[in-house]
Amino acid sequence: MEGFVDGRLNLMGIDVALIDEFGCKIDGFGDPSSLLFPLFPPRDGPGFPFLTSIDPYEDTLFNGSQMERFLAEWAYVVAQAQSEAEKQIVEAVRQMASRCEREVHTYLKFIGD
């Protein structure tokens, strides 16, 4: 169920996966506690075109050549993480993004509700 928390839409968790060129999952995790999306910048926030393009209801896919910019924006999410659980999930995404940047034919996929 969704609602608003601190002026932001509160959603079910977004799954994140590192996939190959055939769409097969290499690595990934679910976010059943909805820890990740509340750490994102506001959807109308300037300066975060990659993060604000992640659709909580649909799938969003990034390729390796986008990872440098994605990781620069991801620093915002890292700074928002406070609890140990938030820090772990944020770090897991960072590691998958770094791997996507290094390995050819891999993609970082955010899987919406």
PDB file of N, CA and C in Angstrom:
ATOM      1  N   MET A   1       0.843  -1.167   0.000  1.00  0.00           N
ATOM      2  CA  MET A   1       0.000   0.000   0.000  1.00  0.00           C
ATOM      3  C   MET A   1       0.888   1.229   0.000  1.00  0.00           C
ATOM      4  N   GLU A   2       0.450   2.254  -0.677  1.00  0.00           N
ATOM      5  CA  GLU A   2       1.239   3.464  -0.763  1.00  0.00           C
ATOM      6  C   GLU A   2       0.561   4.596  -0.025  1.00  0.00           C
ATOM      7  N   GLY A   3       1.313   5.600   0.305  1.00  0.00           N
ATOM      8  CA  GLY A   3       0.837   6.799   0.958  1.00  0.00           C
ATOM      9  C   GLY A   3       1.940   7.827   0.915  1.00  0.00           C
ATOM     10  N   PHE A   4       1.760   8.918   1.632  1.00  0.00           N
ATOM     11  CA  PHE A   4       2.792   9.939   1.639  1.00  0.00           C
ATOM     12  C   PHE A   4       3.463   9.989   3.001  1.00  0.00           C
ATOM     13  N   VAL A   5       4.784  10.077   3.003  1.00  0.00           N
ATOM     14  CA  VAL A   5       5.579  10.210   4.214  1.00  0.00           C
ATOM     15  C   VAL A   5       6.507  11.399   3.995  1.00  0.00           C
ATOM     16  N   ASP A   6       6.444  12.389   4.859  1.00  0.00           N
ATOM     17  CA  ASP A   6       7.273  13.591   4.730  1.00  0.00           C
ATOM     18  C   ASP A   6       7.161  14.215   3.342  1.00  0.00           C
ATOM     19  N   GLY A   7       5.950  14.243   2.798  1.00  0.00           N
ATOM     20  CA  GLY A   7       5.730  14.847   1.490  1.00  0.00           C
ATOM     21  C   GLY A   7       6.184  14.006   0.319  1.00  0.00           C
ATOM     22  N   ARG A   8       6.648  12.790   0.578  1.00  0.00           N
ATOM     23  CA  ARG A   8       7.096  11.900  -0.503  1.00  0.00           C
ATOM     24  C   ARG A   8       6.185  10.694  -0.578  1.00  0.00           C
ATOM     25  N   LEU A   9       6.045  10.180  -1.768  1.00  0.00           N
ATOM     26  CA  LEU A   9       5.259   8.986  -1.974  1.00  0.00           C
ATOM     27  C   LEU A   9       5.966   7.802  -1.340  1.00  0.00           C
ATOM     28  N   ASN A  10       5.258   7.060  -0.515  1.00  0.00           N
ATOM     29  CA  ASN A  10       5.809   5.878   0.135  1.00  0.00           C
ATOM     30  C   ASN A  10       5.294   4.648  -0.610  1.00  0.00           C
ATOM     31  N   LEU A  11       6.189   3.847  -1.148  1.00  0.00           N
ATOM     32  CA  LEU A  11       5.824   2.734  -2.001  1.00  0.00           C
ATOM     33  C   LEU A  11       6.321   1.421  -1.455  1.00  0.00           C
ATOM     34  N   MET A  12       5.866   0.356  -2.090  1.00  0.00           N
ATOM     35  CA  MET A  12       6.459  -0.938  -1.821  1.00  0.00           C
ATOM     36  C   MET A  12       7.894  -0.897  -2.339  1.00  0.00           C
ATOM     37  N   GLY A  13       8.708  -1.807  -1.877  1.00  0.00           N
ATOM     38  CA  GLY A  13      10.114  -1.808  -2.242  1.00  0.00           C
ATOM     39  C   GLY A  13      10.369  -2.009  -3.727  1.00  0.00           C
ATOM     40  N   ILE A  14      11.483  -1.479  -4.163  1.00  0.00           N
ATOM     41  CA  ILE A  14      11.953  -1.643  -5.532  1.00  0.00           C
ATOM     42  C   ILE A  14      13.018  -2.737  -5.512  1.00  0.00           C
ATOM     43  N   ASP A  15      12.890  -3.713  -6.391  1.00  0.00           N
ATOM     44  CA  ASP A  15      13.940  -4.719  -6.529  1.00  0.00           C
ATOM     45  C   ASP A  15      15.041  -4.147  -7.409  1.00  0.00           C
ATOM     46  N   VAL A  16      16.259  -4.582  -7.179  1.00  0.00           N
ATOM     47  CA  VAL A  16      17.397  -4.120  -7.977  1.00  0.00           C
ATOM     48  C   VAL A  16      18.161  -5.348  -8.436  1.00  0.00           C
ATOM     49  N   ALA A  17      18.541  -5.358  -9.718  1.00  0.00           N
ATOM     50  CA  ALA A  17      19.264  -6.506 -10.261  1.00  0.00           C
ATOM     51  C   ALA A  17      20.350  -6.054 -11.221  1.00  0.00           C
ATOM     52  N   LEU A  18      21.420  -6.807 -11.237  1.00  0.00           N
ATOM     53  CA  LEU A  18      22.439  -6.699 -12.264  1.00  0.00           C
ATOM     54  C   LEU A  18      22.129  -7.818 -13.235  1.00  0.00           C
ATOM     55  N   ILE A  19      21.897  -7.452 -14.498  1.00  0.00           N
ATOM     56  CA  ILE A  19      21.518  -8.461 -15.484  1.00  0.00           C
ATOM     57  C   ILE A  19      22.510  -8.455 -16.643  1.00  0.00           C
ATOM     58  N   ASP A  20      22.495  -9.554 -17.391  1.00  0.00           N
ATOM     59  CA  ASP A  20      23.357  -9.629 -18.571  1.00  0.00           C
ATOM     60  C   ASP A  20      22.572  -9.211 -19.808  1.00  0.00           C
ATOM     61  N   GLU A  21      23.214  -9.296 -20.961  1.00  0.00           N
ATOM     62  CA  GLU A  21      22.602  -8.842 -22.209  1.00  0.00           C
ATOM     63  C   GLU A  21      21.369  -9.643 -22.612  1.00  0.00           C
ATOM     64  N   PHE A  22      21.188 -10.801 -22.017  1.00  0.00           N
ATOM     65  CA  PHE A  22      20.028 -11.636 -22.319  1.00  0.00           C
ATOM     66  C   PHE A  22      18.919 -11.455 -21.291  1.00  0.00           C
ATOM     67  N   GLY A  23      19.142 -10.578 -20.326  1.00  0.00           N
ATOM     68  CA  GLY A  23      18.146 -10.324 -19.296  1.00  0.00           C
ATOM     69  C   GLY A  23      18.215 -11.280 -18.121  1.00  0.00           C
ATOM     70  N   CYS A  24      19.253 -12.106 -18.081  1.00  0.00           N
ATOM     71  CA  CYS A  24      19.413 -13.066 -16.990  1.00  0.00           C
ATOM     72  C   CYS A  24      20.037 -12.369 -15.778  1.00  0.00           C
ATOM     73  N   LYS A  25      19.511 -12.655 -14.630  1.00  0.00           N
ATOM     74  CA  LYS A  25      19.985 -12.041 -13.386  1.00  0.00           C
ATOM     75  C   LYS A  25      21.349 -12.595 -12.993  1.00  0.00           C
ATOM     76  N   ILE A  26      22.304 -11.691 -12.776  1.00  0.00           N
ATOM     77  CA  ILE A  26      23.643 -12.035 -12.308  1.00  0.00           C
ATOM     78  C   ILE A  26      23.702 -11.878 -10.792  1.00  0.00           C
ATOM     79  N   ASP A  27      23.084 -10.818 -10.304  1.00  0.00           N
ATOM     80  CA  ASP A  27      23.079 -10.493  -8.880  1.00  0.00           C
ATOM     81  C   ASP A  27      21.845  -9.639  -8.632  1.00  0.00           C
ATOM     82  N   GLY A  28      21.448  -9.513  -7.386  1.00  0.00           N
ATOM     83  CA  GLY A  28      20.326  -8.645  -7.092  1.00  0.00           C
ATOM     84  C   GLY A  28      19.697  -8.941  -5.747  1.00  0.00           C
ATOM     85  N   PHE A  29      18.695  -8.150  -5.422  1.00  0.00           N
ATOM     86  CA  PHE A  29      17.998  -8.292  -4.154  1.00  0.00           C
ATOM     87  C   PHE A  29      16.655  -7.585  -4.235  1.00  0.00           C
ATOM     88  N   GLY A  30      15.795  -7.938  -3.322  1.00  0.00           N
ATOM     89  CA  GLY A  30      14.525  -7.263  -3.162  1.00  0.00           C
ATOM     90  C   GLY A  30      14.625  -6.267  -2.017  1.00  0.00           C
ATOM     91  N   ASP A  31      13.648  -5.414  -1.926  1.00  0.00           N
ATOM     92  CA  ASP A  31      13.590  -4.417  -0.860  1.00  0.00           C
ATOM     93  C   ASP A  31      12.194  -4.451  -0.236  1.00  0.00           C
ATOM     94  N   PRO A  32      11.843  -5.573   0.416  1.00  0.00           N
ATOM     95  CA  PRO A  32      10.484  -5.710   0.943  1.00  0.00           C
ATOM     96  C   PRO A  32      10.145  -4.703   2.040  1.00  0.00           C
ATOM     97  N   SER A  33      11.132  -4.130   2.684  1.00  0.00           N
ATOM     98  CA  SER A  33      10.883  -3.143   3.740  1.00  0.00           C
ATOM     99  C   SER A  33      10.833  -1.710   3.210  1.00  0.00           C
ATOM    100  N   SER A  34      10.940  -1.549   1.917  1.00  0.00           N
ATOM    101  CA  SER A  34      10.880  -0.226   1.270  1.00  0.00           C
ATOM    102  C   SER A  34      11.897   0.757   1.844  1.00  0.00           C
ATOM    103  N   LEU A  35      13.125   0.295   2.007  1.00  0.00           N
ATOM    104  CA  LEU A  35      14.170   1.157   2.551  1.00  0.00           C
ATOM    105  C   LEU A  35      14.770   2.087   1.510  1.00  0.00           C
ATOM    106  N   LEU A  36      14.837   1.639   0.275  1.00  0.00           N
ATOM    107  CA  LEU A  36      15.620   2.336  -0.741  1.00  0.00           C
ATOM    108  C   LEU A  36      14.957   3.601  -1.288  1.00  0.00           C
ATOM    109  N   PHE A  37      13.758   3.480  -1.786  1.00  0.00           N
ATOM    110  CA  PHE A  37      13.132   4.599  -2.500  1.00  0.00           C
ATOM    111  C   PHE A  37      12.990   5.862  -1.642  1.00  0.00           C
ATOM    112  N   PRO A  38      12.695   5.772  -0.353  1.00  0.00           N
ATOM    113  CA  PRO A  38      12.616   7.005   0.447  1.00  0.00           C
ATOM    114  C   PRO A  38      13.949   7.763   0.556  1.00  0.00           C
ATOM    115  N   LEU A  39      15.061   7.121   0.225  1.00  0.00           N
ATOM    116  CA  LEU A  39      16.371   7.779   0.276  1.00  0.00           C
ATOM    117  C   LEU A  39      16.663   8.578  -0.992  1.00  0.00           C
ATOM    118  N   PHE A  40      15.854   8.398  -2.036  1.00  0.00           N
ATOM    119  CA  PHE A  40      16.070   9.081  -3.305  1.00  0.00           C
ATOM    120  C   PHE A  40      15.736  10.567  -3.163  1.00  0.00           C
ATOM    121  N   PRO A  41      16.312  11.406  -4.030  1.00  0.00           N
ATOM    122  CA  PRO A  41      15.939  12.823  -4.022  1.00  0.00           C
ATOM    123  C   PRO A  41      14.481  12.985  -4.447  1.00  0.00           C
ATOM    124  N   PRO A  42      13.870  14.101  -4.100  1.00  0.00           N
ATOM    125  CA  PRO A  42      12.484  14.334  -4.541  1.00  0.00           C
ATOM    126  C   PRO A  42      12.384  14.247  -6.059  1.00  0.00           C
ATOM    127  N   ARG A  43      11.273  13.734  -6.556  1.00  0.00           N
ATOM    128  CA  ARG A  43      11.107  13.508  -8.002  1.00  0.00           C
ATOM    129  C   ARG A  43      11.230  14.795  -8.809  1.00  0.00           C
ATOM    130  N   ASP A  44      10.920  15.920  -8.216  1.00  0.00           N
ATOM    131  CA  ASP A  44      11.032  17.182  -8.946  1.00  0.00           C
ATOM    132  C   ASP A  44      12.344  17.906  -8.637  1.00  0.00           C
ATOM    133  N   GLY A  45      13.263  17.211  -7.950  1.00  0.00           N
ATOM    134  CA  GLY A  45      14.542  17.810  -7.588  1.00  0.00           C
ATOM    135  C   GLY A  45      15.475  17.938  -8.782  1.00  0.00           C
ATOM    136  N   PRO A  46      16.058  19.113  -8.970  1.00  0.00           N
ATOM    137  CA  PRO A  46      17.002  19.284 -10.084  1.00  0.00           C
ATOM    138  C   PRO A  46      18.347  18.636  -9.763  1.00  0.00           C
ATOM    139  N   GLY A  47      19.092  18.312 -10.792  1.00  0.00           N
ATOM    140  CA  GLY A  47      20.445  17.808 -10.595  1.00  0.00           C
ATOM    141  C   GLY A  47      20.564  16.305 -10.449  1.00  0.00           C
ATOM    142  N   PHE A  48      19.454  15.578 -10.557  1.00  0.00           N
ATOM    143  CA  PHE A  48      19.492  14.128 -10.411  1.00  0.00           C
ATOM    144  C   PHE A  48      18.694  13.453 -11.534  1.00  0.00           C
ATOM    145  N   PRO A  49      19.079  13.678 -12.786  1.00  0.00           N
ATOM    146  CA  PRO A  49      18.269  13.126 -13.880  1.00  0.00           C
ATOM    147  C   PRO A  49      18.186  11.603 -13.883  1.00  0.00           C
ATOM    148  N   PHE A  50      19.231  10.921 -13.445  1.00  0.00           N
ATOM    149  CA  PHE A  50      19.178   9.456 -13.441  1.00  0.00           C
ATOM    150  C   PHE A  50      18.300   8.953 -12.306  1.00  0.00           C
ATOM    151  N   LEU A  51      18.550   9.440 -11.099  1.00  0.00           N
ATOM    152  CA  LEU A  51      17.787   8.955  -9.949  1.00  0.00           C
ATOM    153  C   LEU A  51      16.310   9.298 -10.050  1.00  0.00           C
ATOM    154  N   THR A  52      15.993  10.484 -10.534  1.00  0.00           N
ATOM    155  CA  THR A  52      14.587  10.863 -10.641  1.00  0.00           C
ATOM    156  C   THR A  52      13.893  10.187 -11.816  1.00  0.00           C
ATOM    157  N   SER A  53      14.653   9.543 -12.691  1.00  0.00           N
ATOM    158  CA  SER A  53      14.029   8.805 -13.791  1.00  0.00           C
ATOM    159  C   SER A  53      13.676   7.376 -13.392  1.00  0.00           C
ATOM    160  N   ILE A  54      14.093   6.942 -12.210  1.00  0.00           N
ATOM    161  CA  ILE A  54      13.742   5.591 -11.754  1.00  0.00           C
ATOM    162  C   ILE A  54      12.271   5.588 -11.388  1.00  0.00           C
ATOM    163  N   ASP A  55      11.515   4.798 -12.117  1.00  0.00           N
ATOM    164  CA  ASP A  55      10.065   4.750 -11.970  1.00  0.00           C
ATOM    165  C   ASP A  55       9.693   3.680 -10.947  1.00  0.00           C
ATOM    166  N   PRO A  56       9.031   4.063  -9.860  1.00  0.00           N
ATOM    167  CA  PRO A  56       8.684   3.076  -8.837  1.00  0.00           C
ATOM    168  C   PRO A  56       7.633   2.073  -9.285  1.00  0.00           C
ATOM    169  N   TYR A  57       6.961   2.327 -10.404  1.00  0.00           N
ATOM    170  CA  TYR A  57       5.918   1.432 -10.882  1.00  0.00           C
ATOM    171  C   TYR A  57       6.330   0.601 -12.092  1.00  0.00           C
ATOM    172  N   GLU A  58       7.420   0.968 -12.727  1.00  0.00           N
ATOM    173  CA  GLU A  58       7.872   0.259 -13.920  1.00  0.00           C
ATOM    174  C   GLU A  58       9.357  -0.039 -13.797  1.00  0.00           C
ATOM    175  N   ASP A  59       9.878  -0.790 -14.732  1.00  0.00           N
ATOM    176  CA  ASP A  59      11.300  -1.122 -14.726  1.00  0.00           C
ATOM    177  C   ASP A  59      12.108   0.018 -15.338  1.00  0.00           C
ATOM    178  N   THR A  60      13.287   0.256 -14.764  1.00  0.00           N
ATOM    179  CA  THR A  60      14.212   1.264 -15.271  1.00  0.00           C
ATOM    180  C   THR A  60      15.562   0.591 -15.444  1.00  0.00           C
ATOM    181  N   LEU A  61      16.165   0.763 -16.609  1.00  0.00           N
ATOM    182  CA  LEU A  61      17.393   0.058 -16.959  1.00  0.00           C
ATOM    183  C   LEU A  61      18.501   1.057 -17.287  1.00  0.00           C
ATOM    184  N   PHE A  62      19.686   0.810 -16.728  1.00  0.00           N
ATOM    185  CA  PHE A  62      20.863   1.622 -17.009  1.00  0.00           C
ATOM    186  C   PHE A  62      21.950   0.724 -17.567  1.00  0.00           C
ATOM    187  N   ASN A  63      22.747   1.252 -18.509  1.00  0.00           N
ATOM    188  CA  ASN A  63      23.856   0.475 -19.064  1.00  0.00           C
ATOM    189  C   ASN A  63      25.183   0.936 -18.467  1.00  0.00           C
ATOM    190  N   GLY A  64      26.231   0.220 -18.791  1.00  0.00           N
ATOM    191  CA  GLY A  64      27.547   0.486 -18.223  1.00  0.00           C
ATOM    192  C   GLY A  64      28.076   1.878 -18.491  1.00  0.00           C
ATOM    193  N   SER A  65      27.804   2.418 -19.666  1.00  0.00           N
ATOM    194  CA  SER A  65      28.320   3.752 -19.977  1.00  0.00           C
ATOM    195  C   SER A  65      27.617   4.841 -19.171  1.00  0.00           C
ATOM    196  N   GLN A  66      26.502   4.531 -18.548  1.00  0.00           N
ATOM    197  CA  GLN A  66      25.781   5.486 -17.720  1.00  0.00           C
ATOM    198  C   GLN A  66      26.202   5.431 -16.251  1.00  0.00           C
ATOM    199  N   MET A  67      27.015   4.460 -15.901  1.00  0.00           N
ATOM    200  CA  MET A  67      27.323   4.230 -14.493  1.00  0.00           C
ATOM    201  C   MET A  67      28.165   5.325 -13.847  1.00  0.00           C
ATOM    202  N   GLU A  68      29.049   5.979 -14.576  1.00  0.00           N
ATOM    203  CA  GLU A  68      29.830   7.060 -13.969  1.00  0.00           C
ATOM    204  C   GLU A  68      28.898   8.147 -13.452  1.00  0.00           C
ATOM    205  N   ARG A  69      27.949   8.568 -14.277  1.00  0.00           N
ATOM    206  CA  ARG A  69      26.980   9.607 -13.874  1.00  0.00           C
ATOM    207  C   ARG A  69      26.047   9.064 -12.793  1.00  0.00           C
ATOM    208  N   PHE A  70      25.588   7.829 -12.958  1.00  0.00           N
ATOM    209  CA  PHE A  70      24.706   7.218 -11.964  1.00  0.00           C
ATOM    210  C   PHE A  70      25.379   7.204 -10.593  1.00  0.00           C
ATOM    211  N   LEU A  71      26.628   6.759 -10.544  1.00  0.00           N
ATOM    212  CA  LEU A  71      27.350   6.679  -9.266  1.00  0.00           C
ATOM    213  C   LEU A  71      27.576   8.053  -8.646  1.00  0.00           C
ATOM    214  N   ALA A  72      27.783   9.059  -9.476  1.00  0.00           N
ATOM    215  CA  ALA A  72      27.915  10.422  -8.953  1.00  0.00           C
ATOM    216  C   ALA A  72      26.615  10.849  -8.265  1.00  0.00           C
ATOM    217  N   GLU A  73      25.490  10.549  -8.877  1.00  0.00           N
ATOM    218  CA  GLU A  73      24.202  10.863  -8.269  1.00  0.00           C
ATOM    219  C   GLU A  73      23.933   9.968  -7.061  1.00  0.00           C
ATOM    220  N   TRP A  74      24.399   8.728  -7.116  1.00  0.00           N
ATOM    221  CA  TRP A  74      24.165   7.770  -6.032  1.00  0.00           C
ATOM    222  C   TRP A  74      24.784   8.264  -4.718  1.00  0.00           C
ATOM    223  N   ALA A  75      25.787   9.114  -4.797  1.00  0.00           N
ATOM    224  CA  ALA A  75      26.399   9.684  -3.592  1.00  0.00           C
ATOM    225  C   ALA A  75      25.350  10.388  -2.734  1.00  0.00           C
ATOM    226  N   TYR A  76      24.332  10.960  -3.356  1.00  0.00           N
ATOM    227  CA  TYR A  76      23.236  11.581  -2.606  1.00  0.00           C
ATOM    228  C   TYR A  76      22.520  10.533  -1.757  1.00  0.00           C
ATOM    229  N   VAL A  77      22.226   9.388  -2.348  1.00  0.00           N
ATOM    230  CA  VAL A  77      21.525   8.321  -1.634  1.00  0.00           C
ATOM    231  C   VAL A  77      22.395   7.791  -0.499  1.00  0.00           C
ATOM    232  N   VAL A  78      23.683   7.634  -0.767  1.00  0.00           N
ATOM    233  CA  VAL A  78      24.620   7.181   0.270  1.00  0.00           C
ATOM    234  C   VAL A  78      24.556   8.121   1.471  1.00  0.00           C
ATOM    235  N   ALA A  79      24.531   9.418   1.212  1.00  0.00           N
ATOM    236  CA  ALA A  79      24.505  10.411   2.293  1.00  0.00           C
ATOM    237  C   ALA A  79      23.203  10.373   3.089  1.00  0.00           C
ATOM    238  N   GLN A  80      22.114   9.912   2.465  1.00  0.00           N
ATOM    239  CA  GLN A  80      20.822   9.855   3.151  1.00  0.00           C
ATOM    240  C   GLN A  80      20.693   8.641   4.062  1.00  0.00           C
ATOM    241  N   ALA A  81      21.435   7.596   3.778  1.00  0.00           N
ATOM    242  CA  ALA A  81      21.319   6.341   4.535  1.00  0.00           C
ATOM    243  C   ALA A  81      21.797   6.547   5.968  1.00  0.00           C
ATOM    244  N   GLN A  82      20.958   6.203   6.925  1.00  0.00           N
ATOM    245  CA  GLN A  82      21.281   6.384   8.342  1.00  0.00           C
ATOM    246  C   GLN A  82      21.393   5.055   9.088  1.00  0.00           C
ATOM    247  N   SER A  83      20.404   4.200   8.912  1.00  0.00           N
ATOM    248  CA  SER A  83      20.405   2.933   9.645  1.00  0.00           C
ATOM    249  C   SER A  83      21.369   1.947   8.991  1.00  0.00           C
ATOM    250  N   GLU A  84      21.736   0.934   9.740  1.00  0.00           N
ATOM    251  CA  GLU A  84      22.629  -0.090   9.196  1.00  0.00           C
ATOM    252  C   GLU A  84      21.984  -0.790   7.998  1.00  0.00           C
ATOM    253  N   ALA A  85      20.681  -1.053   8.081  1.00  0.00           N
ATOM    254  CA  ALA A  85      19.976  -1.709   6.971  1.00  0.00           C
ATOM    255  C   ALA A  85      19.994  -0.831   5.721  1.00  0.00           C
ATOM    256  N   GLU A  86      19.778   0.472   5.890  1.00  0.00           N
ATOM    257  CA  GLU A  86      19.828   1.394   4.751  1.00  0.00           C
ATOM    258  C   GLU A  86      21.229   1.427   4.155  1.00  0.00           C
ATOM    259  N   LYS A  87      22.233   1.492   4.998  1.00  0.00           N
ATOM    260  CA  LYS A  87      23.610   1.529   4.512  1.00  0.00           C
ATOM    261  C   LYS A  87      23.963   0.260   3.742  1.00  0.00           C
ATOM    262  N   GLN A  88      23.475  -0.881   4.201  1.00  0.00           N
ATOM    263  CA  GLN A  88      23.767  -2.143   3.508  1.00  0.00           C
ATOM    264  C   GLN A  88      23.116  -2.193   2.137  1.00  0.00           C
ATOM    265  N   ILE A  89      21.866  -1.773   2.040  1.00  0.00           N
ATOM    266  CA  ILE A  89      21.175  -1.838   0.749  1.00  0.00           C
ATOM    267  C   ILE A  89      21.759  -0.818  -0.232  1.00  0.00           C
ATOM    268  N   VAL A  90      22.125   0.362   0.255  1.00  0.00           N
ATOM    269  CA  VAL A  90      22.738   1.388  -0.589  1.00  0.00           C
ATOM    270  C   VAL A  90      24.097   0.905  -1.100  1.00  0.00           C
ATOM    271  N   GLU A  91      24.858   0.258  -0.235  1.00  0.00           N
ATOM    272  CA  GLU A  91      26.161  -0.276  -0.637  1.00  0.00           C
ATOM    273  C   GLU A  91      26.001  -1.410  -1.646  1.00  0.00           C
ATOM    274  N   ALA A  92      24.980  -2.228  -1.489  1.00  0.00           N
ATOM    275  CA  ALA A  92      24.745  -3.320  -2.442  1.00  0.00           C
ATOM    276  C   ALA A  92      24.481  -2.764  -3.844  1.00  0.00           C
ATOM    277  N   VAL A  93      23.704  -1.694  -3.923  1.00  0.00           N
ATOM    278  CA  VAL A  93      23.449  -1.065  -5.231  1.00  0.00           C
ATOM    279  C   VAL A  93      24.747  -0.476  -5.777  1.00  0.00           C
ATOM    280  N   ARG A  94      25.518   0.187  -4.932  1.00  0.00           N
ATOM    281  CA  ARG A  94      26.778   0.777  -5.380  1.00  0.00           C
ATOM    282  C   ARG A  94      27.710  -0.288  -5.948  1.00  0.00           C
ATOM    283  N   GLN A  95      27.783  -1.423  -5.290  1.00  0.00           N
ATOM    284  CA  GLN A  95      28.642  -2.502  -5.774  1.00  0.00           C
ATOM    285  C   GLN A  95      28.160  -3.049  -7.114  1.00  0.00           C
ATOM    286  N   MET A  96      26.853  -3.213  -7.270  1.00  0.00           N
ATOM    287  CA  MET A  96      26.328  -3.690  -8.554  1.00  0.00           C
ATOM    288  C   MET A  96      26.568  -2.652  -9.648  1.00  0.00           C
ATOM    289  N   ALA A  97      26.414  -1.380  -9.318  1.00  0.00           N
ATOM    290  CA  ALA A  97      26.656  -0.318 -10.306  1.00  0.00           C
ATOM    291  C   ALA A  97      28.128  -0.295 -10.719  1.00  0.00           C
ATOM    292  N   SER A  98      29.007  -0.457  -9.766  1.00  0.00           N
ATOM    293  CA  SER A  98      30.440  -0.494 -10.084  1.00  0.00           C
ATOM    294  C   SER A  98      30.777  -1.685 -10.964  1.00  0.00           C
ATOM    295  N   ARG A  99      30.162  -2.802 -10.672  1.00  0.00           N
ATOM    296  CA  ARG A  99      30.379  -3.990 -11.496  1.00  0.00           C
ATOM    297  C   ARG A  99      29.836  -3.766 -12.905  1.00  0.00           C
ATOM    298  N   CYS A 100      28.679  -3.134 -13.011  1.00  0.00           N
ATOM    299  CA  CYS A 100      28.083  -2.823 -14.310  1.00  0.00           C
ATOM    300  C   CYS A 100      29.010  -1.911 -15.110  1.00  0.00           C
ATOM    301  N   GLU A 101      29.645  -0.986 -14.438  1.00  0.00           N
ATOM    302  CA  GLU A 101      30.566  -0.062 -15.102  1.00  0.00           C
ATOM    303  C   GLU A 101      31.791  -0.794 -15.652  1.00  0.00           C
ATOM    304  N   ARG A 102      32.254  -1.801 -14.939  1.00  0.00           N
ATOM    305  CA  ARG A 102      33.479  -2.530 -15.317  1.00  0.00           C
ATOM    306  C   ARG A 102      33.240  -3.642 -16.333  1.00  0.00           C
ATOM    307  N   GLU A 103      32.100  -4.294 -16.273  1.00  0.00           N
ATOM    308  CA  GLU A 103      31.857  -5.489 -17.083  1.00  0.00           C
ATOM    309  C   GLU A 103      30.982  -5.166 -18.292  1.00  0.00           C
ATOM    310  N   VAL A 104      31.390  -5.636 -19.448  1.00  0.00           N
ATOM    311  CA  VAL A 104      30.623  -5.377 -20.670  1.00  0.00           C
ATOM    312  C   VAL A 104      29.337  -6.191 -20.675  1.00  0.00           C
ATOM    313  N   HIS A 105      28.359  -5.658 -21.377  1.00  0.00           N
ATOM    314  CA  HIS A 105      27.067  -6.326 -21.565  1.00  0.00           C
ATOM    315  C   HIS A 105      26.352  -6.624 -20.251  1.00  0.00           C
ATOM    316  N   THR A 106      26.499  -5.715 -19.288  1.00  0.00           N
ATOM    317  CA  THR A 106      25.730  -5.830 -18.052  1.00  0.00           C
ATOM    318  C   THR A 106      24.907  -4.568 -17.875  1.00  0.00           C
ATOM    319  N   TYR A 107      23.815  -4.692 -17.143  1.00  0.00           N
ATOM    320  CA  TYR A 107      22.880  -3.595 -16.968  1.00  0.00           C
ATOM    321  C   TYR A 107      22.374  -3.589 -15.536  1.00  0.00           C
ATOM    322  N   LEU A 108      22.158  -2.402 -15.000  1.00  0.00           N
ATOM    323  CA  LEU A 108      21.585  -2.241 -13.674  1.00  0.00           C
ATOM    324  C   LEU A 108      20.102  -1.970 -13.861  1.00  0.00           C
ATOM    325  N   LYS A 109      19.296  -2.824 -13.275  1.00  0.00           N
ATOM    326  CA  LYS A 109      17.847  -2.755 -13.481  1.00  0.00           C
ATOM    327  C   LYS A 109      17.135  -2.521 -12.154  1.00  0.00           C
ATOM    328  N   PHE A 110      16.296  -1.488 -12.120  1.00  0.00           N
ATOM    329  CA  PHE A 110      15.410  -1.225 -10.996  1.00  0.00           C
ATOM    330  C   PHE A 110      14.026  -1.707 -11.405  1.00  0.00           C
ATOM    331  N   ILE A 111      13.479  -2.607 -10.611  1.00  0.00           N
ATOM    332  CA  ILE A 111      12.229  -3.273 -10.959  1.00  0.00           C
ATOM    333  C   ILE A 111      11.130  -2.724 -10.053  1.00  0.00           C
ATOM    334  N   GLY A 112      10.238  -1.947 -10.646  1.00  0.00           N
ATOM    335  CA  GLY A 112       9.165  -1.309  -9.886  1.00  0.00           C
ATOM    336  C   GLY A 112       8.031  -2.263  -9.544  1.00  0.00           C
ATOM    337  N   ASP A 113       7.092  -1.743  -8.760  1.00  0.00           N
ATOM    338  CA  ASP A 113       5.942  -2.544  -8.320  1.00  0.00           C
ATOM    339  C   ASP A 113       5.116  -3.006  -9.492  1.00  0.00           C
TER     340      ASP A 113
END
